[in-house]
Amino acid sequence: MSGPRRHAVLVDFDGTASLTDVGGELLDHFAADTSWHVIDNDYVNGRVGSRAAYRLAQGLLRHDPAQWLAFALERTRLDPGFAALAGLCRRRQWPLEILSDGLEFYIHAALRREGWVLPVRANRTGANGSGVAIHTPYMNPLCGRCGTCKAERVRELRERGFQVTYVGDGYSDLCAAPRAHRVFAKGVLAEHCAERGVEYHRFTTLAQVADVLSGTAD
């Protein structure tokens, strides 16, 4: 293969496609006690990966799928520019995927509410007695740090000949972004790219991402 042929766009969900960190708010609300904040602090400071954090947190959570969904949908607001970006990808026939270290159920529900059906790679929830089990089908067994290995998906698409654009904002994006051909970043991810000399476009809304990509040749 001589080089990348088609474009693929990978977008983080919490804080990127969604204006809020829905997963974090959900865990805050449904955790049985405040020890979740200790786990979250360890994750933010790099002492544990997200997969280990989920294993520790799931024992603190009350499992009520209907309440979880209602709570998540109440708090999820897609970035106002999401429709512009998704519409551009649809017109150009570029694959658009959501890559998230959050939970799959609320991502699909939020997208469907706005009329979008897209591929999603995220963690899954299930019952474990009266509690919740969090499953990580997209982990990388060679590493195991993150619930969803975003870097692995970038690698897969590059090997298939895609020119990969990555859009994100947080800790779960740090490994994936430097492996992409083009990066749009804000928040923690923008700081990380700047500190490490990774070329990126800073954005505040996905409409800006769509504007830049609209000038990209197919």
C-alpha atoms as a PDB file:
ATOM      1  CA  MET A   1       0.000   0.000   0.000  1.00  0.00           C
ATOM      2  CA  SER A   2       1.535   3.307  -1.055  1.00  0.00           C
ATOM      3  CA  GLY A   3      -0.018   5.481   1.689  1.00  0.00           C
ATOM      4  CA  PRO A   4      -3.238   6.696   3.298  1.00  0.00           C
ATOM      5  CA  ARG A   5      -6.145   6.902   0.856  1.00  0.00           C
ATOM      6  CA  ARG A   6      -9.347   7.797   2.715  1.00  0.00           C
ATOM      7  CA  HIS A   7     -10.095   9.888   5.774  1.00  0.00           C
ATOM      8  CA  ALA A   8     -11.449   8.546   9.049  1.00  0.00           C
ATOM      9  CA  VAL A   9     -12.510  10.769  11.948  1.00  0.00           C
ATOM     10  CA  LEU A  10     -12.367   9.532  15.543  1.00  0.00           C
ATOM     11  CA  VAL A  11     -14.080  11.616  18.224  1.00  0.00           C
ATOM     12  CA  ASP A  12     -13.993  11.282  22.007  1.00  0.00           C
ATOM     13  CA  PHE A  13     -17.383  11.608  23.704  1.00  0.00           C
ATOM     14  CA  ASP A  14     -17.316  13.012  27.255  1.00  0.00           C
ATOM     15  CA  GLY A  15     -16.161  16.617  27.046  1.00  0.00           C
ATOM     16  CA  THR A  16     -15.768  16.476  23.256  1.00  0.00           C
ATOM     17  CA  ALA A  17     -18.844  15.254  21.376  1.00  0.00           C
ATOM     18  CA  SER A  18     -20.739  15.961  24.605  1.00  0.00           C
ATOM     19  CA  LEU A  19     -20.236  19.280  26.358  1.00  0.00           C
ATOM     20  CA  THR A  20     -20.229  17.567  29.755  1.00  0.00           C
ATOM     21  CA  ASP A  21     -18.431  14.620  31.341  1.00  0.00           C
ATOM     22  CA  VAL A  22     -21.526  12.467  31.522  1.00  0.00           C
ATOM     23  CA  GLY A  23     -19.721   9.395  32.817  1.00  0.00           C
ATOM     24  CA  GLY A  24     -18.081  11.305  35.636  1.00  0.00           C
ATOM     25  CA  GLU A  25     -21.365  12.898  36.683  1.00  0.00           C
ATOM     26  CA  LEU A  26     -23.105   9.524  36.589  1.00  0.00           C
ATOM     27  CA  LEU A  27     -20.497   7.930  38.842  1.00  0.00           C
ATOM     28  CA  ASP A  28     -20.656  10.887  41.227  1.00  0.00           C
ATOM     29  CA  HIS A  29     -24.425  10.588  41.486  1.00  0.00           C
ATOM     30  CA  PHE A  30     -24.820   6.820  41.812  1.00  0.00           C
ATOM     31  CA  ALA A  31     -21.770   5.926  43.905  1.00  0.00           C
ATOM     32  CA  ALA A  32     -22.747   4.726  47.365  1.00  0.00           C
ATOM     33  CA  ASP A  33     -20.173   6.952  49.066  1.00  0.00           C
ATOM     34  CA  THR A  34     -17.500   9.568  48.354  1.00  0.00           C
ATOM     35  CA  SER A  35     -14.671   7.029  48.062  1.00  0.00           C
ATOM     36  CA  TRP A  36     -15.253   7.249  44.298  1.00  0.00           C
ATOM     37  CA  HIS A  37     -13.459  10.610  44.427  1.00  0.00           C
ATOM     38  CA  VAL A  38     -10.303   8.922  45.763  1.00  0.00           C
ATOM     39  CA  ILE A  39     -10.383   6.494  42.839  1.00  0.00           C
ATOM     40  CA  ASP A  40     -10.956   9.321  40.366  1.00  0.00           C
ATOM     41  CA  ASN A  41      -8.080  11.329  41.856  1.00  0.00           C
ATOM     42  CA  ASP A  42      -5.775   8.333  41.474  1.00  0.00           C
ATOM     43  CA  TYR A  43      -6.825   8.064  37.818  1.00  0.00           C
ATOM     44  CA  VAL A  44      -6.281  11.756  37.089  1.00  0.00           C
ATOM     45  CA  ASN A  45      -2.830  11.607  38.669  1.00  0.00           C
ATOM     46  CA  GLY A  46      -1.847   8.496  36.722  1.00  0.00           C
ATOM     47  CA  ARG A  47      -1.664   6.122  39.669  1.00  0.00           C
ATOM     48  CA  VAL A  48      -4.269   3.785  38.144  1.00  0.00           C
ATOM     49  CA  GLY A  49      -5.603   3.355  34.615  1.00  0.00           C
ATOM     50  CA  SER A  50      -9.267   3.659  33.752  1.00  0.00           C
ATOM     51  CA  ARG A  51      -9.788  -0.107  33.630  1.00  0.00           C
ATOM     52  CA  ALA A  52      -8.554  -0.531  37.201  1.00  0.00           C
ATOM     53  CA  ALA A  53     -10.562   2.520  38.277  1.00  0.00           C
ATOM     54  CA  TYR A  54     -13.728   0.963  36.873  1.00  0.00           C
ATOM     55  CA  ARG A  55     -13.027  -2.323  38.673  1.00  0.00           C
ATOM     56  CA  LEU A  56     -12.687  -0.433  41.949  1.00  0.00           C
ATOM     57  CA  ALA A  57     -15.694   1.812  41.335  1.00  0.00           C
ATOM     58  CA  GLN A  58     -18.215  -0.811  40.243  1.00  0.00           C
ATOM     59  CA  GLY A  59     -18.532  -2.120  43.775  1.00  0.00           C
ATOM     60  CA  LEU A  60     -19.725   1.322  44.883  1.00  0.00           C
ATOM     61  CA  LEU A  61     -22.494   1.650  42.325  1.00  0.00           C
ATOM     62  CA  ARG A  62     -26.190   0.988  42.587  1.00  0.00           C
ATOM     63  CA  HIS A  63     -27.443  -0.710  39.422  1.00  0.00           C
ATOM     64  CA  ASP A  64     -30.671   0.742  38.082  1.00  0.00           C
ATOM     65  CA  PRO A  65     -30.514   0.936  34.258  1.00  0.00           C
ATOM     66  CA  ALA A  66     -33.650   3.064  33.900  1.00  0.00           C
ATOM     67  CA  GLN A  67     -32.436   5.643  36.423  1.00  0.00           C
ATOM     68  CA  TRP A  68     -28.941   5.660  34.915  1.00  0.00           C
ATOM     69  CA  LEU A  69     -30.305   6.303  31.434  1.00  0.00           C
ATOM     70  CA  ALA A  70     -32.693   9.049  32.555  1.00  0.00           C
ATOM     71  CA  PHE A  71     -29.926  10.762  34.532  1.00  0.00           C
ATOM     72  CA  ALA A  72     -27.415  10.539  31.681  1.00  0.00           C
ATOM     73  CA  LEU A  73     -29.805  11.853  29.038  1.00  0.00           C
ATOM     74  CA  GLU A  74     -30.809  14.739  31.275  1.00  0.00           C
ATOM     75  CA  ARG A  75     -27.174  15.831  31.491  1.00  0.00           C
ATOM     76  CA  THR A  76     -25.953  15.068  27.972  1.00  0.00           C
ATOM     77  CA  ARG A  77     -25.813  17.963  25.537  1.00  0.00           C
ATOM     78  CA  LEU A  78     -23.999  17.407  22.285  1.00  0.00           C
ATOM     79  CA  ASP A  79     -21.565  20.062  21.119  1.00  0.00           C
ATOM     80  CA  PRO A  80     -23.522  22.469  18.869  1.00  0.00           C
ATOM     81  CA  GLY A  81     -21.055  21.734  16.080  1.00  0.00           C
ATOM     82  CA  PHE A  82     -21.480  17.968  16.229  1.00  0.00           C
ATOM     83  CA  ALA A  83     -24.133  17.962  13.506  1.00  0.00           C
ATOM     84  CA  ALA A  84     -21.849  19.972  11.212  1.00  0.00           C
ATOM     85  CA  LEU A  85     -18.974  17.527  11.704  1.00  0.00           C
ATOM     86  CA  ALA A  86     -21.145  14.416  11.374  1.00  0.00           C
ATOM     87  CA  GLY A  87     -22.883  15.863   8.318  1.00  0.00           C
ATOM     88  CA  LEU A  88     -19.551  16.638   6.660  1.00  0.00           C
ATOM     89  CA  CYS A  89     -18.349  13.069   7.247  1.00  0.00           C
ATOM     90  CA  ARG A  90     -21.599  11.687   5.852  1.00  0.00           C
ATOM     91  CA  ARG A  91     -21.352  13.809   2.692  1.00  0.00           C
ATOM     92  CA  ARG A  92     -17.707  12.928   2.153  1.00  0.00           C
ATOM     93  CA  GLN A  93     -18.313   9.275   3.024  1.00  0.00           C
ATOM     94  CA  TRP A  94     -15.632   9.424   5.694  1.00  0.00           C
ATOM     95  CA  PRO A  95     -16.002   6.912   8.529  1.00  0.00           C
ATOM     96  CA  LEU A  96     -16.879   8.719  11.769  1.00  0.00           C
ATOM     97  CA  GLU A  97     -16.560   6.811  15.034  1.00  0.00           C
ATOM     98  CA  ILE A  98     -17.002   7.639  18.687  1.00  0.00           C
ATOM     99  CA  LEU A  99     -14.147   6.353  20.847  1.00  0.00           C
ATOM    100  CA  SER A 100     -14.851   6.668  24.544  1.00  0.00           C
ATOM    101  CA  ASP A 101     -13.584   5.418  27.864  1.00  0.00           C
ATOM    102  CA  GLY A 102     -17.076   6.181  29.154  1.00  0.00           C
ATOM    103  CA  LEU A 103     -20.105   3.910  28.981  1.00  0.00           C
ATOM    104  CA  GLU A 104     -21.696   2.767  25.752  1.00  0.00           C
ATOM    105  CA  PHE A 105     -25.359   2.902  26.807  1.00  0.00           C
ATOM    106  CA  TYR A 106     -25.615   6.661  27.254  1.00  0.00           C
ATOM    107  CA  ILE A 107     -23.538   7.446  24.155  1.00  0.00           C
ATOM    108  CA  HIS A 108     -25.834   5.490  21.840  1.00  0.00           C
ATOM    109  CA  ALA A 109     -28.904   6.966  23.544  1.00  0.00           C
ATOM    110  CA  ALA A 110     -27.645  10.555  23.231  1.00  0.00           C
ATOM    111  CA  LEU A 111     -26.753  10.106  19.581  1.00  0.00           C
ATOM    112  CA  ARG A 112     -30.099   8.489  18.742  1.00  0.00           C
ATOM    113  CA  ARG A 113     -31.921  11.364  20.413  1.00  0.00           C
ATOM    114  CA  GLU A 114     -30.261  13.724  17.921  1.00  0.00           C
ATOM    115  CA  GLY A 115     -30.891  11.395  14.980  1.00  0.00           C
ATOM    116  CA  TRP A 116     -27.407   9.904  14.647  1.00  0.00           C
ATOM    117  CA  VAL A 117     -26.505   6.214  14.484  1.00  0.00           C
ATOM    118  CA  LEU A 118     -22.727   5.835  14.555  1.00  0.00           C
ATOM    119  CA  PRO A 119     -20.153   3.195  15.448  1.00  0.00           C
ATOM    120  CA  VAL A 120     -19.209   3.472  19.125  1.00  0.00           C
ATOM    121  CA  ARG A 121     -16.335   1.863  20.991  1.00  0.00           C
ATOM    122  CA  ALA A 122     -16.851   2.247  24.732  1.00  0.00           C
ATOM    123  CA  ASN A 123     -17.244   0.282  27.946  1.00  0.00           C
ATOM    124  CA  ARG A 124     -20.398  -1.694  28.685  1.00  0.00           C
ATOM    125  CA  THR A 125     -22.481  -2.179  31.810  1.00  0.00           C
ATOM    126  CA  GLY A 126     -24.271  -5.213  33.137  1.00  0.00           C
ATOM    127  CA  ALA A 127     -25.770  -6.556  36.350  1.00  0.00           C
ATOM    128  CA  ASN A 128     -23.643  -8.230  39.011  1.00  0.00           C
ATOM    129  CA  GLY A 129     -26.098  -9.290  41.704  1.00  0.00           C
ATOM    130  CA  SER A 130     -27.605  -6.061  43.009  1.00  0.00           C
ATOM    131  CA  GLY A 131     -24.615  -4.089  41.758  1.00  0.00           C
ATOM    132  CA  VAL A 132     -23.089  -3.261  38.408  1.00  0.00           C
ATOM    133  CA  ALA A 133     -20.381  -4.898  36.322  1.00  0.00           C
ATOM    134  CA  ILE A 134     -18.394  -2.752  33.892  1.00  0.00           C
ATOM    135  CA  HIS A 135     -17.034  -4.663  30.909  1.00  0.00           C
ATOM    136  CA  THR A 136     -14.148  -3.475  28.742  1.00  0.00           C
ATOM    137  CA  PRO A 137     -14.431  -5.226  25.351  1.00  0.00           C
ATOM    138  CA  TYR A 138     -12.056  -2.789  23.629  1.00  0.00           C
ATOM    139  CA  MET A 139      -9.146  -3.028  26.043  1.00  0.00           C
ATOM    140  CA  ASN A 140      -5.676  -3.864  24.767  1.00  0.00           C
ATOM    141  CA  PRO A 141      -4.621  -7.088  26.533  1.00  0.00           C
ATOM    142  CA  LEU A 142      -0.957  -6.223  25.954  1.00  0.00           C
ATOM    143  CA  CYS A 143      -1.382  -3.118  28.121  1.00  0.00           C
ATOM    144  CA  GLY A 144      -4.679  -3.270  30.007  1.00  0.00           C
ATOM    145  CA  ARG A 145      -4.456   0.256  31.354  1.00  0.00           C
ATOM    146  CA  CYS A 146      -7.498   1.750  29.627  1.00  0.00           C
ATOM    147  CA  GLY A 147     -10.973   0.319  29.309  1.00  0.00           C
ATOM    148  CA  THR A 148     -11.052   1.393  25.664  1.00  0.00           C
ATOM    149  CA  CYS A 149      -7.708   1.387  23.876  1.00  0.00           C
ATOM    150  CA  LYS A 150      -8.047   4.340  21.525  1.00  0.00           C
ATOM    151  CA  ALA A 151      -4.472   4.062  20.301  1.00  0.00           C
ATOM    152  CA  GLU A 152      -5.196   0.565  19.012  1.00  0.00           C
ATOM    153  CA  ARG A 153      -8.090   1.842  16.909  1.00  0.00           C
ATOM    154  CA  VAL A 154      -5.888   4.544  15.392  1.00  0.00           C
ATOM    155  CA  ARG A 155      -3.324   1.882  14.552  1.00  0.00           C
ATOM    156  CA  GLU A 156      -5.933  -0.394  12.963  1.00  0.00           C
ATOM    157  CA  LEU A 157      -7.256   2.347  10.704  1.00  0.00           C
ATOM    158  CA  ARG A 158      -3.794   3.515   9.684  1.00  0.00           C
ATOM    159  CA  GLU A 159      -2.867  -0.026   8.704  1.00  0.00           C
ATOM    160  CA  ARG A 160      -6.003  -0.153   6.544  1.00  0.00           C
ATOM    161  CA  GLY A 161      -4.779   2.936   4.691  1.00  0.00           C
ATOM    162  CA  PHE A 162      -6.874   5.650   6.331  1.00  0.00           C
ATOM    163  CA  GLN A 163      -5.749   9.195   7.037  1.00  0.00           C
ATOM    164  CA  VAL A 164      -6.825   9.429  10.666  1.00  0.00           C
ATOM    165  CA  THR A 165      -8.113  12.605  12.317  1.00  0.00           C
ATOM    166  CA  TYR A 166      -8.409  12.452  16.100  1.00  0.00           C
ATOM    167  CA  VAL A 167     -10.550  14.835  18.165  1.00  0.00           C
ATOM    168  CA  GLY A 168     -10.378  14.830  21.960  1.00  0.00           C
ATOM    169  CA  ASP A 169      -9.917  16.649  25.225  1.00  0.00           C
ATOM    170  CA  GLY A 170      -8.883  14.379  28.082  1.00  0.00           C
ATOM    171  CA  TYR A 171      -6.668  11.804  29.741  1.00  0.00           C
ATOM    172  CA  SER A 172      -8.025   8.844  27.774  1.00  0.00           C
ATOM    173  CA  ASP A 173      -6.917  10.541  24.531  1.00  0.00           C
ATOM    174  CA  LEU A 174      -3.245  10.953  25.436  1.00  0.00           C
ATOM    175  CA  CYS A 175      -1.957   7.739  23.851  1.00  0.00           C
ATOM    176  CA  ALA A 176      -4.111   7.872  20.719  1.00  0.00           C
ATOM    177  CA  ALA A 177      -3.648  11.456  19.579  1.00  0.00           C
ATOM    178  CA  PRO A 178       0.096  11.363  18.824  1.00  0.00           C
ATOM    179  CA  ARG A 179      -0.474   8.341  16.582  1.00  0.00           C
ATOM    180  CA  ALA A 180      -3.035  10.088  14.367  1.00  0.00           C
ATOM    181  CA  HIS A 181      -2.241  12.039  11.192  1.00  0.00           C
ATOM    182  CA  ARG A 182      -4.139  15.119  12.389  1.00  0.00           C
ATOM    183  CA  VAL A 183      -5.161  16.106  15.915  1.00  0.00           C
ATOM    184  CA  PHE A 184      -7.797  18.528  17.182  1.00  0.00           C
ATOM    185  CA  ALA A 185      -7.403  19.091  20.913  1.00  0.00           C
ATOM    186  CA  LYS A 186      -8.632  21.125  23.853  1.00  0.00           C
ATOM    187  CA  GLY A 187      -8.301  20.829  27.621  1.00  0.00           C
ATOM    188  CA  VAL A 188      -5.876  18.281  29.037  1.00  0.00           C
ATOM    189  CA  LEU A 189      -5.124  16.851  25.597  1.00  0.00           C
ATOM    190  CA  ALA A 190      -4.130  20.265  24.214  1.00  0.00           C
ATOM    191  CA  GLU A 191      -1.803  20.813  27.186  1.00  0.00           C
ATOM    192  CA  HIS A 192      -0.273  17.368  26.669  1.00  0.00           C
ATOM    193  CA  CYS A 193       0.308  17.969  22.946  1.00  0.00           C
ATOM    194  CA  ALA A 194       1.865  21.378  23.575  1.00  0.00           C
ATOM    195  CA  GLU A 195       4.202  20.015  26.255  1.00  0.00           C
ATOM    196  CA  ARG A 196       5.377  17.141  24.063  1.00  0.00           C
ATOM    197  CA  GLY A 197       5.643  18.952  20.757  1.00  0.00           C
ATOM    198  CA  VAL A 198       2.743  17.088  19.144  1.00  0.00           C
ATOM    199  CA  GLU A 199       1.273  19.159  16.311  1.00  0.00           C
ATOM    200  CA  TYR A 200      -2.404  19.905  16.876  1.00  0.00           C
ATOM    201  CA  HIS A 201      -5.251  22.270  16.086  1.00  0.00           C
ATOM    202  CA  ARG A 202      -6.819  23.862  19.159  1.00  0.00           C
ATOM    203  CA  PHE A 203     -10.621  23.993  19.090  1.00  0.00           C
ATOM    204  CA  THR A 204     -13.472  25.014  21.354  1.00  0.00           C
ATOM    205  CA  THR A 205     -16.404  23.695  19.313  1.00  0.00           C
ATOM    206  CA  LEU A 206     -16.718  20.898  16.776  1.00  0.00           C
ATOM    207  CA  ALA A 207     -17.953  23.440  14.243  1.00  0.00           C
ATOM    208  CA  GLN A 208     -14.339  24.648  14.063  1.00  0.00           C
ATOM    209  CA  VAL A 209     -13.185  21.096  13.397  1.00  0.00           C
ATOM    210  CA  ALA A 210     -15.744  20.778  10.598  1.00  0.00           C
ATOM    211  CA  ASP A 211     -14.618  24.087   9.097  1.00  0.00           C
ATOM    212  CA  VAL A 212     -10.984  22.976   8.924  1.00  0.00           C
ATOM    213  CA  LEU A 213     -11.801  19.517   7.605  1.00  0.00           C
ATOM    214  CA  SER A 214     -14.134  20.905   4.968  1.00  0.00           C
ATOM    215  CA  GLY A 215     -11.064  22.233   3.178  1.00  0.00           C
ATOM    216  CA  THR A 216      -9.498  18.766   3.102  1.00  0.00           C
ATOM    217  CA  ALA A 217      -9.473  16.989  -0.236  1.00  0.00           C
ATOM    218  CA  ASP A 218     -11.178  13.608  -0.391  1.00  0.00           C
END
